[in-house]
Amino acid sequence: EDGEYIKDGVAYIAPGNHHLVLKQVGNELAISLNHSPPIKGHRPSV
């Protein structure tokens, strides 16, 4: 989910049609989902 903080012991699967990247929020990392263009035909892109 967009904006959620990542935690140990949790697996996060990128939603179909969304790229998954990380962003720094204070001392933690959070998920950021976006609809930027597909990379080599893929969104999400590894």
All heavy atoms as atom14 arrays in JSON, in Angstrom:
{
  "sequence": "EDGEYIKDGVAYIAPGNHHLVLKQVGNELAISLNHSPPIKGHRPSV",
  "atom14_mask": [
    [1, 1, 1, 1, 1, 1, 1, 1, 1, 0, 0, 0, 0, 0],
    [1, 1, 1, 1, 1, 1, 1, 1, 0, 0, 0, 0, 0, 0],
    [1, 1, 1, 1, 0, 0, 0, 0, 0, 0, 0, 0, 0, 0],
    [1, 1, 1, 1, 1, 1, 1, 1, 1, 0, 0, 0, 0, 0],
    [1, 1, 1, 1, 1, 1, 1, 1, 1, 1, 1, 1, 0, 0],
    [1, 1, 1, 1, 1, 1, 1, 1, 0, 0, 0, 0, 0, 0],
    [1, 1, 1, 1, 1, 1, 1, 1, 1, 0, 0, 0, 0, 0],
    [1, 1, 1, 1, 1, 1, 1, 1, 0, 0, 0, 0, 0, 0],
    [1, 1, 1, 1, 0, 0, 0, 0, 0, 0, 0, 0, 0, 0],
    [1, 1, 1, 1, 1, 1, 1, 0, 0, 0, 0, 0, 0, 0],
    [1, 1, 1, 1, 1, 0, 0, 0, 0, 0, 0, 0, 0, 0],
    [1, 1, 1, 1, 1, 1, 1, 1, 1, 1, 1, 1, 0, 0],
    [1, 1, 1, 1, 1, 1, 1, 1, 0, 0, 0, 0, 0, 0],
    [1, 1, 1, 1, 1, 0, 0, 0, 0, 0, 0, 0, 0, 0],
    [1, 1, 1, 1, 1, 1, 1, 0, 0, 0, 0, 0, 0, 0],
    [1, 1, 1, 1, 0, 0, 0, 0, 0, 0, 0, 0, 0, 0],
    [1, 1, 1, 1, 1, 1, 1, 1, 0, 0, 0, 0, 0, 0],
    [1, 1, 1, 1, 1, 1, 1, 1, 1, 1, 0, 0, 0, 0],
    [1, 1, 1, 1, 1, 1, 1, 1, 1, 1, 0, 0, 0, 0],
    [1, 1, 1, 1, 1, 1, 1, 1, 0, 0, 0, 0, 0, 0],
    [1, 1, 1, 1, 1, 1, 1, 0, 0, 0, 0, 0, 0, 0],
    [1, 1, 1, 1, 1, 1, 1, 1, 0, 0, 0, 0, 0, 0],
    [1, 1, 1, 1, 1, 1, 1, 1, 1, 0, 0, 0, 0, 0],
    [1, 1, 1, 1, 1, 1, 1, 1, 1, 0, 0, 0, 0, 0],
    [1, 1, 1, 1, 1, 1, 1, 0, 0, 0, 0, 0, 0, 0],
    [1, 1, 1, 1, 0, 0, 0, 0, 0, 0, 0, 0, 0, 0],
    [1, 1, 1, 1, 1, 1, 1, 1, 0, 0, 0, 0, 0, 0],
    [1, 1, 1, 1, 1, 1, 1, 1, 1, 0, 0, 0, 0, 0],
    [1, 1, 1, 1, 1, 1, 1, 1, 0, 0, 0, 0, 0, 0],
    [1, 1, 1, 1, 1, 0, 0, 0, 0, 0, 0, 0, 0, 0],
    [1, 1, 1, 1, 1, 1, 1, 1, 0, 0, 0, 0, 0, 0],
    [1, 1, 1, 1, 1, 1, 0, 0, 0, 0, 0, 0, 0, 0],
    [1, 1, 1, 1, 1, 1, 1, 1, 0, 0, 0, 0, 0, 0],
    [1, 1, 1, 1, 1, 1, 1, 1, 0, 0, 0, 0, 0, 0],
    [1, 1, 1, 1, 1, 1, 1, 1, 1, 1, 0, 0, 0, 0],
    [1, 1, 1, 1, 1, 1, 0, 0, 0, 0, 0, 0, 0, 0],
    [1, 1, 1, 1, 1, 1, 1, 0, 0, 0, 0, 0, 0, 0],
    [1, 1, 1, 1, 1, 1, 1, 0, 0, 0, 0, 0, 0, 0],
    [1, 1, 1, 1, 1, 1, 1, 1, 0, 0, 0, 0, 0, 0],
    [1, 1, 1, 1, 1, 1, 1, 1, 1, 0, 0, 0, 0, 0],
    [1, 1, 1, 1, 0, 0, 0, 0, 0, 0, 0, 0, 0, 0],
    [1, 1, 1, 1, 1, 1, 1, 1, 1, 1, 0, 0, 0, 0],
    [1, 1, 1, 1, 1, 1, 1, 1, 1, 1, 1, 0, 0, 0],
    [1, 1, 1, 1, 1, 1, 1, 0, 0, 0, 0, 0, 0, 0],
    [1, 1, 1, 1, 1, 1, 0, 0, 0, 0, 0, 0, 0, 0],
    [1, 1, 1, 1, 1, 1, 1, 0, 0, 0, 0, 0, 0, 0]
  ],
  "atom14_positions": [
    [[0.84, -1.19, 0.0], [0.0, 0.0, 0.0], [0.88, 1.24, 0.0], [1.91, 1.29, 0.68], [-0.92, 0.01, 1.22], [-1.88, -1.16, 1.28], [-2.73, -1.13, 2.53], [-3.49, -0.16, 2.71], [-2.61, -2.07, 3.34], [0.0, 0.0, 0.0], [0.0, 0.0, 0.0], [0.0, 0.0, 0.0], [0.0, 0.0, 0.0], [0.0, 0.0, 0.0]],
    [[0.46, 2.24, -0.72], [1.22, 3.48, -0.82], [1.35, 4.12, 0.55], [0.36, 4.28, 1.28], [0.53, 4.44, -1.78], [1.38, 5.65, -2.08], [2.52, 5.48, -2.56], [0.91, 6.79, -1.85], [0.0, 0.0, 0.0], [0.0, 0.0, 0.0], [0.0, 0.0, 0.0], [0.0, 0.0, 0.0], [0.0, 0.0, 0.0], [0.0, 0.0, 0.0]],
    [[2.58, 4.47, 0.92], [2.83, 5.18, 2.17], [3.07, 4.32, 3.39], [3.44, 4.86, 4.44], [0.0, 0.0, 0.0], [0.0, 0.0, 0.0], [0.0, 0.0, 0.0], [0.0, 0.0, 0.0], [0.0, 0.0, 0.0], [0.0, 0.0, 0.0], [0.0, 0.0, 0.0], [0.0, 0.0, 0.0], [0.0, 0.0, 0.0], [0.0, 0.0, 0.0]],
    [[2.89, 3.01, 3.3], [3.08, 2.19, 4.5], [4.55, 1.94, 4.77], [5.36, 1.81, 3.86], [2.32, 0.87, 4.42], [2.81, -0.13, 3.4], [2.0, -1.41, 3.44], [1.68, -1.9, 4.55], [1.68, -1.93, 2.36], [0.0, 0.0, 0.0], [0.0, 0.0, 0.0], [0.0, 0.0, 0.0], [0.0, 0.0, 0.0], [0.0, 0.0, 0.0]],
    [[4.91, 1.92, 6.06], [6.27, 1.67, 6.48], [6.58, 0.18, 6.37], [5.74, -0.66, 6.7], [6.5, 2.13, 7.92], [6.34, 3.61, 8.12], [5.21, 4.14, 8.75], [7.32, 4.51, 7.67], [5.07, 5.52, 8.93], [7.19, 5.87, 7.85], [6.05, 6.37, 8.47], [5.91, 7.72, 8.64], [0.0, 0.0, 0.0], [0.0, 0.0, 0.0]],
    [[7.77, -0.15, 5.9], [8.12, -1.56, 5.77], [8.62, -2.1, 7.11], [9.27, -1.4, 7.88], [9.17, -1.79, 4.66], [10.46, -1.01, 4.93], [8.58, -1.39, 3.31], [11.57, -1.35, 3.94], [0.0, 0.0, 0.0], [0.0, 0.0, 0.0], [0.0, 0.0, 0.0], [0.0, 0.0, 0.0], [0.0, 0.0, 0.0], [0.0, 0.0, 0.0]],
    [[8.27, -3.35, 7.4], [8.59, -3.97, 8.67], [9.22, -5.34, 8.45], [8.89, -6.04, 7.48], [7.32, -4.12, 9.52], [6.64, -2.81, 9.87], [5.36, -3.05, 10.67], [4.66, -1.75, 11.02], [3.41, -2.0, 11.78], [0.0, 0.0, 0.0], [0.0, 0.0, 0.0], [0.0, 0.0, 0.0], [0.0, 0.0, 0.0], [0.0, 0.0, 0.0]],
    [[10.07, -5.75, 9.38], [10.66, -7.08, 9.33], [9.56, -8.14, 9.37], [8.54, -7.98, 10.06], [11.61, -7.3, 10.52], [12.85, -6.44, 10.45], [13.07, -5.78, 9.43], [13.6, -6.43, 11.45], [0.0, 0.0, 0.0], [0.0, 0.0, 0.0], [0.0, 0.0, 0.0], [0.0, 0.0, 0.0], [0.0, 0.0, 0.0], [0.0, 0.0, 0.0]],
    [[9.79, -9.22, 8.65], [8.86, -10.34, 8.69], [7.59, -10.14, 7.87], [6.65, -10.92, 7.98], [0.0, 0.0, 0.0], [0.0, 0.0, 0.0], [0.0, 0.0, 0.0], [0.0, 0.0, 0.0], [0.0, 0.0, 0.0], [0.0, 0.0, 0.0], [0.0, 0.0, 0.0], [0.0, 0.0, 0.0], [0.0, 0.0, 0.0], [0.0, 0.0, 0.0]],
    [[7.58, -9.09, 7.04], [6.42, -8.83, 6.2], [6.88, -8.78, 4.74], [7.88, -8.14, 4.41], [5.73, -7.49, 6.56], [4.51, -7.26, 5.66], [5.32, -7.48, 8.03], [0.0, 0.0, 0.0], [0.0, 0.0, 0.0], [0.0, 0.0, 0.0], [0.0, 0.0, 0.0], [0.0, 0.0, 0.0], [0.0, 0.0, 0.0], [0.0, 0.0, 0.0]],
    [[6.15, -9.49, 3.87], [6.42, -9.46, 2.44], [5.38, -8.59, 1.76], [4.17, -8.75, 1.98], [6.37, -10.88, 1.86], [0.0, 0.0, 0.0], [0.0, 0.0, 0.0], [0.0, 0.0, 0.0], [0.0, 0.0, 0.0], [0.0, 0.0, 0.0], [0.0, 0.0, 0.0], [0.0, 0.0, 0.0], [0.0, 0.0, 0.0], [0.0, 0.0, 0.0]],
    [[5.85, -7.64, 0.95], [4.99, -6.68, 0.27], [5.04, -6.95, -1.23], [6.1, -6.82, -1.85], [5.46, -5.26, 0.55], [5.55, -4.9, 2.02], [6.73, -5.17, 2.75], [4.48, -4.33, 2.69], [6.81, -4.86, 4.1], [4.56, -4.01, 4.04], [5.73, -4.28, 4.74], [5.82, -3.97, 6.08], [0.0, 0.0, 0.0], [0.0, 0.0, 0.0]],
    [[3.9, -7.31, -1.82], [3.83, -7.58, -3.25], [3.32, -6.34, -3.97], [2.26, -5.79, -3.62], [2.91, -8.78, -3.54], [3.45, -10.05, -2.87], [2.78, -9.0, -5.05], [2.59, -11.28, -3.08], [0.0, 0.0, 0.0], [0.0, 0.0, 0.0], [0.0, 0.0, 0.0], [0.0, 0.0, 0.0], [0.0, 0.0, 0.0], [0.0, 0.0, 0.0]],
    [[4.08, -5.87, -4.95], [3.67, -4.69, -5.71], [2.33, -4.95, -6.4], [2.15, -5.99, -7.05], [4.73, -4.34, -6.75], [0.0, 0.0, 0.0], [0.0, 0.0, 0.0], [0.0, 0.0, 0.0], [0.0, 0.0, 0.0], [0.0, 0.0, 0.0], [0.0, 0.0, 0.0], [0.0, 0.0, 0.0], [0.0, 0.0, 0.0], [0.0, 0.0, 0.0]],
    [[1.38, -4.03, -6.26], [0.1, -4.22, -6.96], [0.29, -4.2, -8.47], [1.15, -3.48, -9.0], [-0.73, -3.0, -6.52], [-0.05, -2.45, -5.31], [1.4, -2.79, -5.48], [0.0, 0.0, 0.0], [0.0, 0.0, 0.0], [0.0, 0.0, 0.0], [0.0, 0.0, 0.0], [0.0, 0.0, 0.0], [0.0, 0.0, 0.0], [0.0, 0.0, 0.0]],
    [[-0.51, -4.98, -9.18], [-0.46, -4.94, -10.63], [-0.7, -3.54, -11.15], [-1.49, -2.78, -10.59], [0.0, 0.0, 0.0], [0.0, 0.0, 0.0], [0.0, 0.0, 0.0], [0.0, 0.0, 0.0], [0.0, 0.0, 0.0], [0.0, 0.0, 0.0], [0.0, 0.0, 0.0], [0.0, 0.0, 0.0], [0.0, 0.0, 0.0], [0.0, 0.0, 0.0]],
    [[0.05, -3.17, -12.19], [-0.06, -1.86, -12.82], [0.51, -0.72, -11.98], [0.25, 0.45, -12.25], [-1.5, -1.54, -13.23], [-1.57, -0.52, -14.35], [-0.72, -0.5, -15.24], [-2.57, 0.35, -14.31], [0.0, 0.0, 0.0], [0.0, 0.0, 0.0], [0.0, 0.0, 0.0], [0.0, 0.0, 0.0], [0.0, 0.0, 0.0], [0.0, 0.0, 0.0]],
    [[1.29, -1.03, -10.94], [1.94, -0.02, -10.11], [3.42, -0.36, -9.97], [3.76, -1.5, -9.66], [1.35, 0.03, -8.7], [-0.04, 0.55, -8.62], [-1.13, -0.18, -9.02], [-0.52, 1.75, -8.18], [-2.24, 0.53, -8.82], [-1.89, 1.7, -8.32], [0.0, 0.0, 0.0], [0.0, 0.0, 0.0], [0.0, 0.0, 0.0], [0.0, 0.0, 0.0]],
    [[4.28, 0.63, -10.16], [5.68, 0.48, -9.78], [5.79, 0.61, -8.27], [5.08, 1.4, -7.65], [6.54, 1.54, -10.44], [6.72, 1.37, -11.91], [7.19, 0.21, -12.48], [6.47, 2.23, -12.94], [7.25, 0.35, -13.79], [6.81, 1.56, -14.11], [0.0, 0.0, 0.0], [0.0, 0.0, 0.0], [0.0, 0.0, 0.0], [0.0, 0.0, 0.0]],
    [[6.71, -0.14, -7.68], [6.98, -0.07, -6.24], [8.4, 0.44, -6.03], [9.36, -0.16, -6.51], [6.81, -1.44, -5.59], [6.92, -1.53, -4.06], [6.18, -2.77, -3.55], [8.37, -1.6, -3.59], [0.0, 0.0, 0.0], [0.0, 0.0, 0.0], [0.0, 0.0, 0.0], [0.0, 0.0, 0.0], [0.0, 0.0, 0.0], [0.0, 0.0, 0.0]],
    [[8.52, 1.56, -5.3], [9.83, 2.09, -4.91], [9.77, 2.43, -3.43], [8.7, 2.38, -2.81], [10.2, 3.35, -5.74], [10.3, 3.02, -7.22], [9.2, 4.48, -5.51], [0.0, 0.0, 0.0], [0.0, 0.0, 0.0], [0.0, 0.0, 0.0], [0.0, 0.0, 0.0], [0.0, 0.0, 0.0], [0.0, 0.0, 0.0], [0.0, 0.0, 0.0]],
    [[10.92, 2.75, -2.86], [10.99, 3.13, -1.45], [11.33, 4.6, -1.31], [12.01, 5.18, -2.16], [12.03, 2.29, -0.71], [11.71, 0.83, -0.43], [12.79, 0.21, 0.44], [10.34, 0.66, 0.24], [0.0, 0.0, 0.0], [0.0, 0.0, 0.0], [0.0, 0.0, 0.0], [0.0, 0.0, 0.0], [0.0, 0.0, 0.0], [0.0, 0.0, 0.0]],
    [[10.88, 5.19, -0.22], [11.24, 6.56, 0.11], [11.58, 6.64, 1.59], [11.07, 5.85, 2.41], [10.11, 7.52, -0.22], [8.81, 7.26, 0.54], [7.71, 8.23, 0.12], [6.41, 7.94, 0.88], [5.31, 8.87, 0.47], [0.0, 0.0, 0.0], [0.0, 0.0, 0.0], [0.0, 0.0, 0.0], [0.0, 0.0, 0.0], [0.0, 0.0, 0.0]],
    [[12.46, 7.56, 1.92], [12.85, 7.79, 3.32], [11.83, 8.69, 3.98], [11.49, 9.76, 3.47], [14.22, 8.43, 3.4], [14.8, 8.52, 4.8], [15.56, 7.26, 5.19], [16.3, 6.7, 4.38], [15.39, 6.83, 6.43], [0.0, 0.0, 0.0], [0.0, 0.0, 0.0], [0.0, 0.0, 0.0], [0.0, 0.0, 0.0], [0.0, 0.0, 0.0]],
    [[11.32, 8.27, 5.14], [10.41, 9.1, 5.93], [10.97, 9.12, 7.35], [10.82, 8.16, 8.1], [8.98, 8.55, 5.92], [8.06, 9.45, 6.75], [8.45, 8.43, 4.5], [0.0, 0.0, 0.0], [0.0, 0.0, 0.0], [0.0, 0.0, 0.0], [0.0, 0.0, 0.0], [0.0, 0.0, 0.0], [0.0, 0.0, 0.0], [0.0, 0.0, 0.0]],
    [[11.66, 10.2, 7.69], [12.34, 10.25, 8.98], [13.42, 9.18, 9.04], [14.28, 9.11, 8.15], [0.0, 0.0, 0.0], [0.0, 0.0, 0.0], [0.0, 0.0, 0.0], [0.0, 0.0, 0.0], [0.0, 0.0, 0.0], [0.0, 0.0, 0.0], [0.0, 0.0, 0.0], [0.0, 0.0, 0.0], [0.0, 0.0, 0.0], [0.0, 0.0, 0.0]],
    [[13.35, 8.33, 10.05], [14.33, 7.25, 10.19], [13.85, 5.93, 9.61], [14.49, 4.89, 9.78], [14.67, 7.05, 11.68], [15.4, 8.24, 12.26], [16.2, 8.88, 11.59], [15.09, 8.56, 13.51], [0.0, 0.0, 0.0], [0.0, 0.0, 0.0], [0.0, 0.0, 0.0], [0.0, 0.0, 0.0], [0.0, 0.0, 0.0], [0.0, 0.0, 0.0]],
    [[12.7, 5.96, 8.93], [12.12, 4.73, 8.4], [12.01, 4.78, 6.89], [12.13, 5.84, 6.27], [10.75, 4.49, 9.04], [10.8, 4.33, 10.55], [9.44, 3.93, 11.11], [9.06, 2.75, 10.91], [8.79, 4.75, 11.75], [0.0, 0.0, 0.0], [0.0, 0.0, 0.0], [0.0, 0.0, 0.0], [0.0, 0.0, 0.0], [0.0, 0.0, 0.0]],
    [[11.75, 3.61, 6.31], [11.5, 3.51, 4.88], [10.04, 3.18, 4.64], [9.45, 2.35, 5.35], [12.38, 2.43, 4.25], [13.9, 2.66, 4.3], [14.62, 1.51, 3.61], [14.28, 3.98, 3.68], [0.0, 0.0, 0.0], [0.0, 0.0, 0.0], [0.0, 0.0, 0.0], [0.0, 0.0, 0.0], [0.0, 0.0, 0.0], [0.0, 0.0, 0.0]],
    [[9.47, 3.84, 3.64], [8.07, 3.63, 3.31], [7.92, 3.31, 1.83], [8.75, 3.69, 1.0], [7.25, 4.87, 3.67], [0.0, 0.0, 0.0], [0.0, 0.0, 0.0], [0.0, 0.0, 0.0], [0.0, 0.0, 0.0], [0.0, 0.0, 0.0], [0.0, 0.0, 0.0], [0.0, 0.0, 0.0], [0.0, 0.0, 0.0], [0.0, 0.0, 0.0]],
    [[6.85, 2.61, 1.52], [6.55, 2.23, 0.14], [5.91, 3.41, -0.6], [5.06, 4.11, -0.05], [5.62, 1.01, 0.11], [6.4, -0.25, 0.54], [4.99, 0.8, -1.27], [5.55, -1.46, 0.78], [0.0, 0.0, 0.0], [0.0, 0.0, 0.0], [0.0, 0.0, 0.0], [0.0, 0.0, 0.0], [0.0, 0.0, 0.0], [0.0, 0.0, 0.0]],
    [[6.34, 3.6, -1.82], [5.72, 4.59, -2.69], [5.33, 3.88, -3.99], [6.16, 3.25, -4.64], [6.69, 5.74, -2.99], [6.1, 6.68, -3.87], [0.0, 0.0, 0.0], [0.0, 0.0, 0.0], [0.0, 0.0, 0.0], [0.0, 0.0, 0.0], [0.0, 0.0, 0.0], [0.0, 0.0, 0.0], [0.0, 0.0, 0.0], [0.0, 0.0, 0.0]],
    [[4.05, 3.95, -4.33], [3.55, 3.35, -5.57], [3.33, 4.44, -6.6], [2.89, 5.54, -6.27], [2.23, 2.61, -5.3], [2.27, 1.51, -4.24], [0.87, 0.93, -4.04], [3.25, 0.41, -4.61], [0.0, 0.0, 0.0], [0.0, 0.0, 0.0], [0.0, 0.0, 0.0], [0.0, 0.0, 0.0], [0.0, 0.0, 0.0], [0.0, 0.0, 0.0]],
    [[3.63, 4.14, -7.85], [3.44, 5.16, -8.89], [3.02, 4.52, -10.21], [3.15, 3.31, -10.4], [4.69, 6.02, -9.05], [5.86, 5.27, -9.66], [5.86, 4.94, -10.84], [6.88, 5.0, -8.84], [0.0, 0.0, 0.0], [0.0, 0.0, 0.0], [0.0, 0.0, 0.0], [0.0, 0.0, 0.0], [0.0, 0.0, 0.0], [0.0, 0.0, 0.0]],
    [[2.52, 5.38, -11.11], [2.07, 4.94, -12.43], [2.95, 5.5, -13.53], [2.48, 5.75, -14.65], [0.61, 5.39, -12.67], [-0.4, 4.58, -11.95], [-0.88, 4.92, -10.71], [-1.04, 3.43, -12.3], [-1.77, 4.02, -10.32], [-1.88, 3.1, -11.26], [0.0, 0.0, 0.0], [0.0, 0.0, 0.0], [0.0, 0.0, 0.0], [0.0, 0.0, 0.0]],
    [[4.23, 5.7, -13.22], [5.13, 6.15, -14.28], [5.17, 5.09, -15.39], [4.75, 3.95, -15.19], [6.53, 6.42, -13.73], [7.07, 5.27, -13.11], [0.0, 0.0, 0.0], [0.0, 0.0, 0.0], [0.0, 0.0, 0.0], [0.0, 0.0, 0.0], [0.0, 0.0, 0.0], [0.0, 0.0, 0.0], [0.0, 0.0, 0.0], [0.0, 0.0, 0.0]],
    [[5.64, 5.45, -16.59], [5.54, 4.53, -17.73], [6.17, 3.17, -17.47], [7.13, 3.06, -16.7], [6.28, 5.29, -18.83], [6.15, 6.72, -18.47], [6.2, 6.75, -16.97], [0.0, 0.0, 0.0], [0.0, 0.0, 0.0], [0.0, 0.0, 0.0], [0.0, 0.0, 0.0], [0.0, 0.0, 0.0], [0.0, 0.0, 0.0], [0.0, 0.0, 0.0]],
    [[5.65, 2.14, -18.1], [6.25, 0.8, -17.96], [7.72, 0.81, -18.39], [8.12, 1.57, -19.27], [5.41, -0.06, -18.91], [4.11, 0.65, -19.01], [4.44, 2.11, -18.95], [0.0, 0.0, 0.0], [0.0, 0.0, 0.0], [0.0, 0.0, 0.0], [0.0, 0.0, 0.0], [0.0, 0.0, 0.0], [0.0, 0.0, 0.0], [0.0, 0.0, 0.0]],
    [[8.52, -0.03, -17.75], [9.93, -0.2, -18.09], [10.06, -1.49, -18.89], [9.79, -2.57, -18.38], [10.81, -0.27, -16.82], [10.56, 0.91, -15.89], [12.28, -0.37, -17.22], [10.91, 2.25, -16.47], [0.0, 0.0, 0.0], [0.0, 0.0, 0.0], [0.0, 0.0, 0.0], [0.0, 0.0, 0.0], [0.0, 0.0, 0.0], [0.0, 0.0, 0.0]],
    [[10.43, -1.35, -20.16], [10.53, -2.52, -21.04], [9.25, -3.34, -21.02], [9.28, -4.58, -21.01], [11.74, -3.38, -20.68], [13.07, -2.66, -20.86], [14.24, -3.55, -20.49], [15.57, -2.83, -20.66], [16.73, -3.65, -20.25], [0.0, 0.0, 0.0], [0.0, 0.0, 0.0], [0.0, 0.0, 0.0], [0.0, 0.0, 0.0], [0.0, 0.0, 0.0]],
    [[8.13, -2.63, -20.97], [6.84, -3.29, -21.02], [6.29, -3.73, -19.67], [5.19, -4.29, -19.62], [0.0, 0.0, 0.0], [0.0, 0.0, 0.0], [0.0, 0.0, 0.0], [0.0, 0.0, 0.0], [0.0, 0.0, 0.0], [0.0, 0.0, 0.0], [0.0, 0.0, 0.0], [0.0, 0.0, 0.0], [0.0, 0.0, 0.0], [0.0, 0.0, 0.0]],
    [[7.02, -3.46, -18.58], [6.6, -3.97, -17.28], [6.24, -2.83, -16.31], [6.99, -1.89, -16.12], [7.71, -4.81, -16.65], [8.1, -6.0, -17.46], [7.22, -7.01, -17.77], [9.29, -6.34, -18.04], [7.84, -7.92, -18.49], [9.09, -7.54, -18.67], [0.0, 0.0, 0.0], [0.0, 0.0, 0.0], [0.0, 0.0, 0.0], [0.0, 0.0, 0.0]],
    [[5.09, -2.99, -15.7], [4.68, -2.15, -14.57], [3.81, -3.01, -13.68], [2.67, -3.27, -14.04], [3.92, -0.9, -15.04], [3.59, 0.06, -13.9], [3.06, 1.39, -14.38], [1.79, 1.18, -15.11], [1.28, 2.05, -15.98], [1.92, 3.18, -16.26], [0.14, 1.79, -16.58], [0.0, 0.0, 0.0], [0.0, 0.0, 0.0], [0.0, 0.0, 0.0]],
    [[4.34, -3.51, -12.57], [5.58, -3.12, -11.89], [6.83, -3.65, -12.58], [6.79, -4.64, -13.32], [5.43, -3.75, -10.5], [4.57, -4.95, -10.73], [3.61, -4.55, -11.8], [0.0, 0.0, 0.0], [0.0, 0.0, 0.0], [0.0, 0.0, 0.0], [0.0, 0.0, 0.0], [0.0, 0.0, 0.0], [0.0, 0.0, 0.0], [0.0, 0.0, 0.0]],
    [[7.94, -3.0, -12.28], [9.24, -3.35, -12.86], [10.21, -3.75, -11.75], [10.37, -3.03, -10.76], [9.8, -2.14, -13.62], [11.18, -2.25, -13.83], [0.0, 0.0, 0.0], [0.0, 0.0, 0.0], [0.0, 0.0, 0.0], [0.0, 0.0, 0.0], [0.0, 0.0, 0.0], [0.0, 0.0, 0.0], [0.0, 0.0, 0.0], [0.0, 0.0, 0.0]],
    [[10.87, -4.89, -11.95], [11.91, -5.31, -11.01], [13.08, -4.33, -11.07], [13.64, -3.95, -10.05], [12.4, -6.74, -11.33], [13.44, -7.19, -10.31], [11.23, -7.72, -11.36], [0.0, 0.0, 0.0], [0.0, 0.0, 0.0], [0.0, 0.0, 0.0], [0.0, 0.0, 0.0], [0.0, 0.0, 0.0], [0.0, 0.0, 0.0], [0.0, 0.0, 0.0]]
  ]
}
